[in-house]
Amino acid sequence: MLSKYGGRCLSVLALVMLTLVALGAGQAQAASQYSYDCTFCHQMPPLDSGTAKKNPYTGAIPGNHQGHASAAVNSCAKCHGDASGYAMGHRNKTIELADGIGYSRKIAAGFVNQTSVPPNPMGTCSTVACHSDGKGNLKATPAWGFAPFQAPGDCSACHDVAPASGNHPTLGSKHAAYFGTGTGSCVNCHTDHTAQAKPFSHATSAGRAIEVSFTDGGSFAGNKCSNVYCHSNGQGSYTPPTWGAALDCAGCHGDATSNTLSGKHAKHVNNAGFLGTNYGCVECHSATVTDNSTIGTFANHANKNKDVAGAHVGTPVAGTCSTSYCHSDGKGTQKSVTWTQTEALSCKSCHGSDAAPAFASIAGEPNYANAGADQPRANSHANHVFGAESCQNCHVDTTTDGLSIKAGAPHTDGTRSVAAGNGKSFSIVGNSCSAVSCHDGGGKIAGVGAAKWGQSLGCAGCHGDAATLTTNAHAAHVASKGYSCDTCHAQTVTGSSTFANKALHGDATVEVAGVKVNSFAADTKNCATSCHLTGTPKWTDAASGACGTCHKALSTTVNGLVSSNAHSAHFTASYGPGMNGAAATSCSGCHTPNTAASHADGLVNLAIGYNKVGTCSSCHKQSTNWTAGRVSCESCHSTAGGELSVIGTLTAPDKTLAATKGHGKAGVSCSSCHDANSGHINGVAGDKRLLATLTGSENQECNYCHTDAGKVTGFKLGVKVHQASGLGSKCADCHNAHGTANNMMVNGTINGTAVSFTGNNTFANGANTGVCQVCHTATDYFKKDGTGATHVESTKNCLDCHAHNPSTGLAFMANGACDSCHGYPPAPRKTIAAVTFAVQGNWSSARFEDYSGGGGAHVVAAHIKKDANPSEGWANCLPCHFEGQAAHNRALPVRSFVENVTVKVDPQYRFSDEALVSYTSAQLVSGGVNKSGSCFNVSCHFRPSPQWSIER
C-alpha cells in the first residue's frame, strides 16, 4: 500500500484510526496536526471518471461535477447546501443533496466505495431551476453521470427553439430568414454561451432577467432595439424598431423621392433628366434584392457589406465602380468613379476620357485609339465632331444638343443608337455609311464611295494616293520623295491627312504654300523653292528638276563625280573602299537618298550616323573629320576612342591592345609590318596587307625579326615553334602580334579553351587554363582535363627547364637529363666521414638532395658507380627503383612531394626464395619528418642493412 498510494494515504489512515480511538474513549480532541481543505480528499470540483466507478489513481468519481461546479467551495452549495463550514465530520457515508432539486435516487447510509457497484442508473433532478427553459418550465435531467451536455446540440434539453412571441426567428418569420430557426440563431441577440469554457454554467443563475446582448453593439430597452446595425441604413444612421412590429425598406433606407438615400443613390434612382431613365435597387444590388422591396438573398442583407452587383455594375472595388458598363466608354473600357466623389460627371467623364487618348475630346466624343474597321473599338469620331452640336448629327435619338440626354433615351442600355439629325442624312448598313451628305464636298466631288466606321476615307478616297496621284510632278514629290501634302499645301493640311483649315478644303482653289515654297506661279507653273536652290523647275516639266542639274553627283551625270574633301578617298584612292561612282546607291550609302524628303533642301544631308566632323558611325565608329585628310589605322582597328569600324558587312579586326600589350609597346608601328597604301577595304576577311618582305613561308613575318640579332635579343631571339606540324606549328597558334589580355601576347583562347597567362609563373594553374595545359592530352603532367601525376608546383617557371628558344630542336622540350631536377645521384648532407663528389670521375653530376635524408647512401660506389653520367638514365637506378619510369612522377621540388619517392628493390637481388626483398621502416612524409628505412633479404646485404640515412 505504501508503495502504491504513498505516505499521505497512510497518514490519513493513521488520522482516522486516531480519531476513532478518541471517539471511543469519549475524550476531548486537540486540534489536528494537519491542515485540511477540500482538495485533501477530492479535487475541486471532483473529476468525472466517465465510468460507473471511482478511479483510485486520480480521485475521479461517477457523475458530472466538472460541468456543474468550480474550484470555489460555494459552488458545491447549489446541490449540497452550505459547504463552506464543512469539517471532516461531513464524511458520514451519506451523499447530502438539497431537497429542492428533486433528486430521485438519494442514498442514505449507503456509502459507495471504489469497489462497490453503484446504482444504475443514478438519480436525476426534476425540480431544479437550472434545468428549465428560464420561464419556469422545469425539465427532467438525464441521469447523473450521463454523457455531459454538448453545446449547441443539447441547448434544446432545457430551451425550446425560438419562442413564438415577438419577432423571434420562428419558421417563416423575417429573423428566421436571416438567422435560421436553430439554436445558433440565439447568439445574435443573446449571450453566446457556446463560446464559454462551461457553456451550461449560466443555468446556475436561473431566475435572472432575459439577457439581450448584441455582438456588434447596440442596446435593447423599452421593447426597442437601438443602435443595431441590422436596423440601419448601412451608413451609421439607425432606426429603433419596436419588438413585434415590422419595417419595410424605406423604414431604414428611405425611398427614391425622399432624397434620404445615402451616397450617390439620388443620382441613380431619381435622375432621369440626366441619365435618360431611373434605376431601381436591383440594378446595383441584384445579389441582395429582386426588386425595390423584396430581399432575394438574406445572407447579403445587413451583413455589413455593400453587396453591389447587377447587369450594369460589373465588379465594384472599395467604393469604386471600376468595371461598370454604366460608367464606360460604351466599348468595354470602364471608368473609375467613386460613390463619394464630389466631382460632377459630364459626357467627357465616360466617353471622352480614354487613358491613352488618340486625340483630345471636344464634347465628350469617344477618343480611344481607332482599332480599325469592323472591330469593336473602331473609331472615326475625330473626323466628325467639331463641337457639342456635332453629336446630334448621328445620335439624334439620344441627344438634341450634345449636352443633355433626351428623356427615355436609349442610354446605358448596351446598344449603339445611330440616327441622322440636324439636317444630315446617310444610310447605314452594318458598319458602313453610304449617301453621306457630308462626303459630297458641297457637290464638288462625285462618286465618293461608302465610308466604313473606323476606316478612314482619307485623302485617297477622293484625291487618290501616292501611287495614283501622278498628275504633273506629284509622283516625283509624293511617290519618290515621300513629301507630305503640307509641304506644298500647308494652308489646308498638316501632314497628309489632317486639316489645318477645313474652310479651305473643297473650296475649288488649289492653295500652294509651304516652308520650302518661295513662290508658285499659277499661270506658268514655275516653282521657286529652297529645294532647287536658284533653279525654278516647271511643275509640268519633270526634266527641269533632274538629278545633277543642281550639283556634281555621279560620274555619269553632266557635272561629273563629286570630288570635294574625302570623296576621292572613298571613290578613287587605292586604300579606300572603292565605291562605285556610277551607282546611285554609292551616294545613298552616306547621304539621304534622292527619294528622301530632306533631299534638295539646300543642305548637305547625311544619313543617320554620319557627320562631316564627328563620327560616321555606319562605318567609322570613332571620331573622324571629313576635311582633315587620311584617318589613322587606330581609328578603325582600336576601341580606345570608340567602336570598331564596319566596312560593308565586315567589322575591322580589334587591334586595341597593339599599343599597350602588342608589338606597339616596343615601339613597332603598324606600317612596320603593313602596307598602308594597299587596297585592303575590299570586303575580304583576313587580308592582312603585309609588306612583301613579310609574306611567303609560314611564320616568315615573325622570323623576320626574331631570327635577327640586330632586331631582338635575349630570350626573344631564336624562338622556335612547339610542333613540326599541326597545332603549335605556327607562332599565331599561341601568340597574337597585336596583343591580348594575357602577357607576352599569348592568345586568349588556344585549342578551344580560354587561357590565363599573367607571367612566367602561370604556365599552369588549378583551373587548368594555363598556356601549357590547354593542349596537353597525352602528357604525364598538367593535362587539359586536370588529371596526371604531380610534376612541379604550378607557379614554377616552366621556361627554366623547357626553353622557348632552345639551341636545337623544338620549343619547350626538356633541356636536361636526370640531373636537371636532382643530382645524379642525389648526395647526402650528413655523412660519418667526408665524401667528395661533383668532380670528374667522382660522381661528377651529384648534388645535395633537397629534402632531409634524401641523399642517403647514393654516393657509395657499390650503389652508384663513381663515373655515372646522367646520359645513362635509369640504368644506375633500377636495382633499387625497380619500377623505373612507371613509378617516377617527377614531382618537383622533391621536398614538397617526399611521399612520392618509391623504393622497390629488383627481385633478382633477393637473398632467399622464401621471402620477398623488403625495404622497411621508411616513413616518407613531406615537411621534414620523413624517416629512411633499411633493406633485408637482399643479396647485397646478408643481414638487415644499416639505415639508409644517418640524418633521418
Foldseek 3Di string as FASTA:
>chain_A
DCVPPNVLVVVVVVVVVVVVVCVVVVHDDDDDPDDDDPVSQAAVVHAAPLDQFADVVHRHGAFDRVLQGGNDQCSVCLFQNRCPPDDPVVPPLFRHGDVQQQWDAGDDNPRDHRPHGDDPQGTWGFRQQLQAQLPRHHAIDDGGNPDDDAPPVCVCSHHPFWDPPFQTLDPPGPLCLQQNGDPRSVVQFAPQLNPPPNSSNCSSVRPDDGHTDHPVDWDADPQWTGPDLLAALLPRHGQIDGGRDDDWPCSHANDQPVPRHDFCQVVAAPPCFFQLHHDFPCQFQVVFADTNTGGDRSNPHSVSDPRTDHPQQADDDPQWSQQGLLQALLLRGHATDGRHDPDDDFLLSHAQCDPDFPDHDALNHHRHDAPAFPDSRQADVVVQDDHLCSVCQWAVQFDRRNGGGDRNGPHSPSDDHTDGDPPWDWDDDDQKTPPTPVPCLVVPFPDQGIDGGNDDCFPCSGQNAQVPNPAQCSVLQCVQQVDFPCQFQVQAADGNGGGPDPVPPSPPDRRTDHPFWPDADPVQQFTDGLLQPRFTDHSRDPVSDDPPPRHEAACPHPRHHDDPQCPCQQCPAQQHLNDHRHDQVSVVVFAPHSNHNPHSNNDGGTDPCDDQFAGNCQFQFFTDHRRPDDDDPCSAQEPPGHAHGAQDNDTHHHLNQQCPAAPVVVVDDLVNFADSRHHDNHPDPPPSRGDPQQDDDAQSVVCVQQCDCVRDDDLSHQFFFADVDDQRRHPVLFADRSGDPAHPRGDQDHPRAGAHHHDLQQCADQVLRHVVACPADPDQPSHSVNDHFAAEPSRDRLCLQFGRRDPDDHGGDGPDFPLSQAFPAAAAPDDPDDADDCDALASVRYYHQPAHLPRFPCSDCVQANRRDDRVVPCPSPCQFVVVPPVLDRNHPPCLQVQVSDDTDGDQVQFQDPVDGKDWDDWAGDRDHPTFFTWTDRGNVDPGTDPGRGPRD
